[in-house]
């Protein structure tokens, strides 16, 4: 987690939607699209959100891992 309560809450909310959705959220954040779940985050917090989601998804991109949802 990030030690930023708003960002951590958003990470948890987005991750509940599953891996495929999280990949879409990462792509949206990379292109500057607004996510309703992240509407209360400032620009720096959105960057932190994207970084945290990418770090989480990196776990599922390993050779022996698969996305459960």
Protein backbone atom coordinates (compact mmCIF):
# COMPACT_ATOMS: atom_id res chain seq x y z
CA UNK A 1 0.00 0.00 0.00
CA UNK A 2 0.98 3.60 -0.46
CA UNK A 3 0.46 5.10 3.02
CA UNK A 4 -1.90 7.58 1.34
CA UNK A 5 -5.40 6.71 2.60
CA UNK A 6 -7.28 8.17 -0.37
CA UNK A 7 -5.05 6.36 -2.85
CA UNK A 8 -5.17 3.10 -0.90
CA UNK A 9 -8.96 3.24 -0.75
CA UNK A 10 -9.10 3.80 -4.50
CA UNK A 11 -6.68 0.92 -5.17
CA UNK A 12 -8.84 -1.42 -3.12
CA UNK A 13 -12.03 -0.29 -4.86
CA UNK A 14 -10.55 -0.69 -8.34
CA UNK A 15 -8.95 -4.06 -7.61
CA UNK A 16 -12.34 -5.48 -6.59
CA UNK A 17 -13.28 -5.31 -10.28
CA UNK A 18 -10.68 -7.91 -11.28
CA UNK A 19 -7.49 -8.03 -13.29
CA UNK A 20 -8.94 -7.26 -16.70
CA UNK A 21 -10.66 -4.16 -15.39
CA UNK A 22 -7.50 -3.03 -13.57
CA UNK A 23 -5.52 -3.29 -16.80
CA UNK A 24 -8.12 -1.00 -18.37
CA UNK A 25 -7.84 1.45 -15.47
CA UNK A 26 -4.07 1.54 -15.88
CA UNK A 27 -4.43 2.25 -19.60
CA UNK A 28 -6.94 5.00 -18.86
CA UNK A 29 -4.66 6.61 -16.30
CA UNK A 30 -1.72 6.44 -18.70
CA UNK A 31 -3.69 8.44 -21.28
CA UNK A 32 -4.97 10.98 -18.77
CA UNK A 33 -8.56 9.79 -18.72
CA UNK A 34 -10.60 10.47 -15.62
CA UNK A 35 -11.78 7.53 -13.55
CA UNK A 36 -14.90 8.17 -11.47
CA UNK A 37 -13.33 6.23 -8.60
CA UNK A 38 -10.31 8.55 -8.69
CA UNK A 39 -12.21 11.82 -9.00
CA UNK A 40 -11.15 12.95 -5.52
CA UNK A 41 -7.46 12.39 -6.18
CA UNK A 42 -5.14 15.18 -7.28
CA UNK A 43 -2.64 14.76 -10.12
CA UNK A 44 0.15 13.43 -7.88
CA UNK A 45 -2.22 10.97 -6.22
CA UNK A 46 -3.39 9.71 -9.63
CA UNK A 47 0.24 9.07 -10.57
CA UNK A 48 0.71 7.16 -7.32
CA UNK A 49 -2.51 5.24 -8.03
CA UNK A 50 -1.25 4.24 -11.47
CA UNK A 51 2.11 3.15 -10.06
CA UNK A 52 0.49 1.07 -7.34
CA UNK A 53 -1.88 -0.63 -9.79
CA UNK A 54 1.04 -1.41 -12.09
CA UNK A 55 3.02 -2.88 -9.19
CA UNK A 56 0.07 -5.07 -8.22
CA UNK A 57 -0.48 -6.27 -11.77
CA UNK A 58 3.23 -7.08 -12.17
CA UNK A 59 2.65 -9.95 -9.74
CA UNK A 60 0.17 -11.49 -12.19
CA UNK A 61 2.46 -11.10 -15.19
CA UNK A 62 5.07 -13.53 -13.86
CA UNK A 63 5.70 -16.79 -15.68
CA UNK A 64 3.89 -18.94 -13.09
CA UNK A 65 1.04 -16.57 -12.30
CA UNK A 66 -2.29 -16.02 -13.89
CA UNK A 67 -4.94 -13.45 -13.39
CA UNK A 68 -7.71 -14.97 -11.27
CA UNK A 69 -10.39 -12.68 -12.69
